[in-house]
């Protein structure tokens, strides 16, 4: 009990460093919570309609078909080139075999 009659209001307590840290933490938390609640929501992307989806699918199918045809044409060109090279090798081999057969006939006599 206070014996001094003139001082009826108790003196204010000093805030310690831990008190200031607690106050700053509470204020920061309140600001982050307010930011999260009040922030504008991101707009959801619109879904494709079924007709748009099938149109895109047909375009993709056409592109894939064109790529497939291009690959087949390249394969066919390579095949023709290989067959031509093989024909040239066959004619060289036949010429060599003919020459070897003549040499063989000459050496046998």
N, C-alpha and C. Protein backbone atom coordinates (compact mmCIF):
# COMPACT_ATOMS: atom_id res chain seq x y z
N UNK A 1 0.82 -1.16 0.00
CA UNK A 1 0.00 0.00 0.00
C UNK A 1 0.87 1.23 0.00
N UNK A 2 0.42 2.25 -0.72
CA UNK A 2 1.18 3.47 -0.89
C UNK A 2 0.82 4.46 0.23
N UNK A 3 1.83 4.95 0.93
CA UNK A 3 1.57 5.89 2.03
C UNK A 3 1.59 7.34 1.58
N UNK A 4 2.03 7.60 0.39
CA UNK A 4 2.06 8.95 -0.14
C UNK A 4 0.70 9.26 -0.73
N UNK A 5 0.01 10.28 -0.20
CA UNK A 5 -1.33 10.59 -0.65
C UNK A 5 -1.36 11.38 -1.94
N UNK A 6 -0.30 12.04 -2.31
CA UNK A 6 -0.28 12.86 -3.52
C UNK A 6 -0.11 12.04 -4.79
N UNK A 7 0.48 10.94 -4.72
CA UNK A 7 0.69 10.15 -5.93
C UNK A 7 -0.29 9.00 -5.96
N UNK A 8 -1.41 9.20 -6.57
CA UNK A 8 -2.42 8.15 -6.67
C UNK A 8 -2.25 7.33 -7.95
N UNK A 9 -1.64 7.92 -8.97
CA UNK A 9 -1.42 7.19 -10.22
C UNK A 9 -0.08 6.47 -10.14
N UNK A 10 -0.10 5.18 -10.36
CA UNK A 10 1.18 4.47 -10.30
C UNK A 10 2.06 4.89 -11.47
N UNK A 11 3.35 4.89 -11.28
CA UNK A 11 4.28 5.28 -12.34
C UNK A 11 4.30 4.20 -13.43
N UNK A 12 4.40 4.63 -14.71
CA UNK A 12 4.39 3.63 -15.79
C UNK A 12 5.67 2.80 -15.77
N UNK A 13 5.50 1.52 -16.13
CA UNK A 13 6.65 0.62 -16.17
C UNK A 13 7.41 0.84 -17.47
N UNK A 14 8.66 0.70 -17.47
CA UNK A 14 9.48 0.82 -18.68
C UNK A 14 9.37 -0.48 -19.48
N UNK A 15 9.29 -0.35 -20.82
CA UNK A 15 9.20 -1.53 -21.69
C UNK A 15 10.62 -2.02 -21.97
N UNK A 16 10.82 -3.31 -21.77
CA UNK A 16 12.15 -3.89 -21.97
C UNK A 16 12.35 -4.24 -23.44
N UNK A 17 13.54 -4.67 -23.76
CA UNK A 17 13.86 -5.07 -25.14
C UNK A 17 13.00 -6.23 -25.62
N UNK A 18 12.75 -7.18 -24.73
CA UNK A 18 11.90 -8.31 -25.10
C UNK A 18 10.48 -7.85 -25.39
N UNK A 19 10.03 -6.87 -24.64
CA UNK A 19 8.69 -6.32 -24.86
C UNK A 19 8.60 -5.67 -26.23
N UNK A 20 9.63 -4.88 -26.59
CA UNK A 20 9.62 -4.24 -27.92
C UNK A 20 9.67 -5.29 -29.04
N UNK A 21 10.43 -6.36 -28.83
CA UNK A 21 10.51 -7.42 -29.83
C UNK A 21 9.16 -8.11 -30.00
N UNK A 22 8.47 -8.32 -28.87
CA UNK A 22 7.14 -8.93 -28.92
C UNK A 22 6.15 -8.03 -29.65
N UNK A 23 6.22 -6.75 -29.38
CA UNK A 23 5.32 -5.79 -30.04
C UNK A 23 5.59 -5.77 -31.54
N UNK A 24 6.88 -5.73 -31.91
CA UNK A 24 7.24 -5.71 -33.33
C UNK A 24 6.78 -6.99 -34.03
N UNK A 25 6.92 -8.13 -33.37
CA UNK A 25 6.48 -9.40 -33.94
C UNK A 25 4.98 -9.45 -34.15
N UNK A 26 4.22 -8.95 -33.17
CA UNK A 26 2.76 -8.93 -33.29
C UNK A 26 2.34 -8.02 -34.43
N UNK A 27 2.97 -6.85 -34.53
CA UNK A 27 2.62 -5.91 -35.61
C UNK A 27 2.98 -6.51 -36.96
N UNK A 28 4.16 -7.11 -37.08
CA UNK A 28 4.56 -7.74 -38.34
C UNK A 28 3.63 -8.86 -38.75
N UNK A 29 3.25 -9.69 -37.79
CA UNK A 29 2.32 -10.78 -38.08
C UNK A 29 0.98 -10.24 -38.55
N UNK A 30 0.51 -9.19 -37.89
CA UNK A 30 -0.77 -8.58 -38.28
C UNK A 30 -0.68 -8.01 -39.69
N UNK A 31 0.45 -7.38 -40.04
CA UNK A 31 0.61 -6.83 -41.39
C UNK A 31 0.65 -7.94 -42.44
N UNK A 32 1.38 -9.02 -42.17
CA UNK A 32 1.43 -10.13 -43.13
C UNK A 32 0.06 -10.78 -43.32
N UNK A 33 -0.67 -10.94 -42.23
CA UNK A 33 -2.01 -11.51 -42.31
C UNK A 33 -2.93 -10.61 -43.11
N UNK A 34 -2.84 -9.29 -42.87
CA UNK A 34 -3.68 -8.35 -43.62
C UNK A 34 -3.31 -8.35 -45.11
N UNK A 35 -2.03 -8.45 -45.39
CA UNK A 35 -1.59 -8.51 -46.79
C UNK A 35 -2.13 -9.76 -47.48
N UNK A 36 -2.10 -10.87 -46.78
CA UNK A 36 -2.58 -12.12 -47.36
C UNK A 36 -4.09 -12.07 -47.59
N UNK A 37 -4.81 -11.51 -46.67
CA UNK A 37 -6.27 -11.46 -46.78
C UNK A 37 -6.70 -10.43 -47.82
N UNK A 38 -6.06 -9.26 -47.83
CA UNK A 38 -6.50 -8.17 -48.68
C UNK A 38 -5.87 -8.18 -50.08
N UNK A 39 -4.88 -9.03 -50.30
CA UNK A 39 -4.22 -9.07 -51.61
C UNK A 39 -5.21 -9.56 -52.67
N UNK A 40 -5.11 -9.01 -53.90
CA UNK A 40 -6.03 -9.46 -54.95
C UNK A 40 -5.72 -10.91 -55.33
N UNK A 41 -6.78 -11.63 -55.53
CA UNK A 41 -6.64 -13.04 -55.90
C UNK A 41 -6.23 -13.15 -57.36
N UNK A 42 -5.40 -14.12 -57.67
CA UNK A 42 -4.99 -14.35 -59.05
C UNK A 42 -6.18 -14.93 -59.83
N UNK A 43 -6.36 -14.42 -61.02
CA UNK A 43 -7.48 -14.89 -61.83
C UNK A 43 -7.21 -16.31 -62.31
N UNK A 44 -8.21 -17.13 -62.23
CA UNK A 44 -8.07 -18.50 -62.72
C UNK A 44 -8.08 -18.49 -64.23
N UNK A 45 -7.20 -19.28 -64.86
CA UNK A 45 -7.21 -19.31 -66.32
C UNK A 45 -8.50 -19.96 -66.82
N UNK A 46 -8.98 -19.44 -67.93
CA UNK A 46 -10.20 -20.01 -68.49
C UNK A 46 -9.89 -21.35 -69.13
N UNK A 47 -10.79 -22.26 -68.94
CA UNK A 47 -10.62 -23.57 -69.55
C UNK A 47 -10.99 -23.49 -71.03
N UNK A 48 -10.39 -24.37 -71.80
CA UNK A 48 -10.71 -24.40 -73.23
C UNK A 48 -12.09 -25.02 -73.43
N UNK A 49 -12.78 -24.52 -74.40
CA UNK A 49 -14.04 -25.17 -74.74
C UNK A 49 -13.73 -26.45 -75.51
N UNK A 50 -14.70 -27.32 -75.58
CA UNK A 50 -14.50 -28.59 -76.26
C UNK A 50 -14.21 -28.37 -77.74
N UNK A 51 -14.88 -27.42 -78.35
CA UNK A 51 -14.67 -27.15 -79.77
C UNK A 51 -13.25 -26.62 -80.01
N UNK A 52 -12.78 -25.72 -79.13
CA UNK A 52 -11.41 -25.21 -79.26
C UNK A 52 -10.39 -26.32 -79.08
N UNK A 53 -10.65 -27.20 -78.12
CA UNK A 53 -9.75 -28.32 -77.88
C UNK A 53 -9.64 -29.22 -79.10
N UNK A 54 -10.78 -29.57 -79.69
CA UNK A 54 -10.76 -30.44 -80.86
C UNK A 54 -10.14 -29.75 -82.07
N UNK A 55 -10.34 -28.43 -82.20
CA UNK A 55 -9.71 -27.68 -83.29
C UNK A 55 -8.19 -27.72 -83.14
N UNK A 56 -7.70 -27.50 -81.92
CA UNK A 56 -6.25 -27.57 -81.67
C UNK A 56 -5.74 -28.98 -81.90
N UNK A 57 -6.52 -29.96 -81.52
CA UNK A 57 -6.12 -31.35 -81.71
C UNK A 57 -6.01 -31.69 -83.19
N UNK A 58 -6.95 -31.20 -84.00
CA UNK A 58 -6.88 -31.43 -85.44
C UNK A 58 -5.67 -30.73 -86.06
N UNK A 59 -5.37 -29.52 -85.61
CA UNK A 59 -4.18 -28.82 -86.10
C UNK A 59 -2.92 -29.60 -85.77
N UNK A 60 -2.85 -30.10 -84.54
CA UNK A 60 -1.70 -30.88 -84.12
C UNK A 60 -1.59 -32.16 -84.95
N UNK A 61 -2.71 -32.80 -85.21
CA UNK A 61 -2.72 -34.02 -86.01
C UNK A 61 -2.22 -33.73 -87.43
N UNK A 62 -2.68 -32.62 -88.01
CA UNK A 62 -2.23 -32.25 -89.35
C UNK A 62 -0.72 -31.97 -89.37
N UNK A 63 -0.23 -31.27 -88.35
CA UNK A 63 1.21 -30.99 -88.27
C UNK A 63 2.01 -32.28 -88.14
N UNK A 64 1.53 -33.18 -87.31
CA UNK A 64 2.23 -34.45 -87.12
C UNK A 64 2.21 -35.26 -88.42
N UNK A 65 1.10 -35.22 -89.12
CA UNK A 65 1.00 -35.95 -90.39
C UNK A 65 1.97 -35.38 -91.41
N UNK A 66 2.06 -34.06 -91.48
CA UNK A 66 2.99 -33.41 -92.42
C UNK A 66 4.43 -33.77 -92.06
N UNK A 67 4.76 -33.76 -90.78
CA UNK A 67 6.11 -34.14 -90.36
C UNK A 67 6.40 -35.59 -90.69
N UNK A 68 5.41 -36.44 -90.50
CA UNK A 68 5.57 -37.86 -90.81
C UNK A 68 5.83 -38.05 -92.30
N UNK A 69 5.09 -37.34 -93.14
CA UNK A 69 5.29 -37.44 -94.58
C UNK A 69 6.67 -36.94 -94.99
N UNK A 70 7.12 -35.86 -94.37
CA UNK A 70 8.46 -35.34 -94.68
C UNK A 70 9.53 -36.35 -94.31
N UNK A 71 9.38 -37.01 -93.16
CA UNK A 71 10.35 -38.02 -92.75
C UNK A 71 10.33 -39.20 -93.73
N UNK A 72 9.14 -39.61 -94.15
CA UNK A 72 9.05 -40.72 -95.11
C UNK A 72 9.70 -40.36 -96.44
N UNK A 73 9.53 -39.12 -96.89
CA UNK A 73 10.17 -38.70 -98.14
C UNK A 73 11.69 -38.73 -98.01
N UNK A 74 12.21 -38.28 -96.87
CA UNK A 74 13.65 -38.31 -96.65
C UNK A 74 14.16 -39.75 -96.62
N UNK A 75 13.41 -40.63 -95.96
CA UNK A 75 13.81 -42.04 -95.92
C UNK A 75 13.82 -42.65 -97.32
N UNK A 76 12.81 -42.32 -98.09
CA UNK A 76 12.74 -42.85 -99.45
C UNK A 76 13.90 -42.32 -100.31
N UNK A 77 14.25 -41.04 -100.17
CA UNK A 77 15.38 -40.48 -100.91
C UNK A 77 16.68 -41.16 -100.51
N UNK A 78 16.87 -41.39 -99.21
CA UNK A 78 18.07 -42.10 -98.74
C UNK A 78 18.10 -43.53 -99.26
N UNK A 79 16.95 -44.16 -99.31
CA UNK A 79 16.87 -45.54 -99.81
C UNK A 79 17.27 -45.59 -101.28
N UNK A 80 16.74 -44.65 -102.08
CA UNK A 80 17.10 -44.61 -103.50
C UNK A 80 18.60 -44.36 -103.67
N UNK A 81 19.15 -43.46 -102.85
CA UNK A 81 20.59 -43.17 -102.94
C UNK A 81 21.43 -44.39 -102.60
N UNK A 82 21.01 -45.13 -101.57
CA UNK A 82 21.73 -46.35 -101.20
C UNK A 82 21.64 -47.41 -102.29
N UNK A 83 20.45 -47.54 -102.89
CA UNK A 83 20.31 -48.52 -103.98
C UNK A 83 21.18 -48.15 -105.17
N UNK A 84 21.28 -46.86 -105.49
CA UNK A 84 22.13 -46.43 -106.60
C UNK A 84 23.59 -46.72 -106.28
N UNK A 85 24.03 -46.46 -105.05
CA UNK A 85 25.41 -46.75 -104.66
C UNK A 85 25.67 -48.25 -104.71
N UNK A 86 24.68 -49.02 -104.32
CA UNK A 86 24.82 -50.48 -104.36
C UNK A 86 24.93 -50.97 -105.79
N UNK A 87 24.15 -50.39 -106.71
CA UNK A 87 24.25 -50.76 -108.12
C UNK A 87 25.64 -50.45 -108.68
N UNK A 88 26.20 -49.30 -108.29
CA UNK A 88 27.55 -48.96 -108.74
C UNK A 88 28.56 -49.96 -108.20
N UNK A 89 28.40 -50.35 -106.95
CA UNK A 89 29.32 -51.33 -106.38
C UNK A 89 29.18 -52.69 -107.07
N UNK A 90 27.95 -53.05 -107.42
CA UNK A 90 27.73 -54.34 -108.10
C UNK A 90 28.41 -54.33 -109.46
N UNK A 91 28.29 -53.22 -110.18
CA UNK A 91 28.94 -53.16 -111.50
C UNK A 91 30.46 -53.21 -111.33
N UNK A 92 31.01 -52.56 -110.30
CA UNK A 92 32.46 -52.64 -110.06
C UNK A 92 32.88 -54.06 -109.73
N UNK A 93 32.09 -54.72 -108.87
CA UNK A 93 32.42 -56.10 -108.49
C UNK A 93 32.35 -57.01 -109.71
N UNK A 94 31.32 -56.82 -110.55
CA UNK A 94 31.21 -57.66 -111.75
C UNK A 94 32.41 -57.45 -112.67
N UNK A 95 32.85 -56.19 -112.82
CA UNK A 95 34.03 -55.90 -113.64
C UNK A 95 35.27 -56.57 -113.07
N UNK A 96 35.43 -56.49 -111.74
CA UNK A 96 36.57 -57.13 -111.09
C UNK A 96 36.52 -58.65 -111.25
N UNK A 97 35.33 -59.23 -111.09
CA UNK A 97 35.19 -60.68 -111.25
C UNK A 97 35.51 -61.12 -112.68
N UNK A 98 35.06 -60.31 -113.66
CA UNK A 98 35.36 -60.63 -115.05
C UNK A 98 36.86 -60.58 -115.31
N UNK A 99 37.50 -59.54 -114.79
CA UNK A 99 38.95 -59.42 -114.95
C UNK A 99 39.68 -60.54 -114.24
N UNK A 100 39.22 -60.90 -113.06
CA UNK A 100 39.84 -62.00 -112.32
C UNK A 100 39.63 -63.33 -113.04
N UNK A 101 38.48 -63.51 -113.64
CA UNK A 101 38.23 -64.76 -114.38
C UNK A 101 39.17 -64.84 -115.58
N UNK A 102 39.43 -63.72 -116.25
CA UNK A 102 40.36 -63.73 -117.40
C UNK A 102 41.77 -64.04 -116.95
N UNK A 103 42.16 -63.42 -115.81
CA UNK A 103 43.51 -63.72 -115.29
C UNK A 103 43.60 -65.18 -114.92
N UNK A 104 42.57 -65.73 -114.34
CA UNK A 104 42.56 -67.13 -113.94
C UNK A 104 42.67 -68.04 -115.15
N UNK A 105 41.95 -67.68 -116.23
CA UNK A 105 42.03 -68.51 -117.44
C UNK A 105 43.43 -68.46 -118.04
N UNK A 106 44.07 -67.30 -118.01
CA UNK A 106 45.41 -67.18 -118.57
C UNK A 106 46.43 -67.97 -117.75
N UNK A 107 46.26 -67.98 -116.45
CA UNK A 107 47.24 -68.67 -115.61
C UNK A 107 47.06 -70.19 -115.64
N UNK A 108 45.91 -70.65 -116.02
CA UNK A 108 45.67 -72.11 -116.03
C UNK A 108 46.32 -72.74 -117.23
N UNK A 109 46.46 -72.08 -118.30
CA UNK A 109 47.00 -72.71 -119.52
C UNK A 109 48.44 -72.91 -119.48
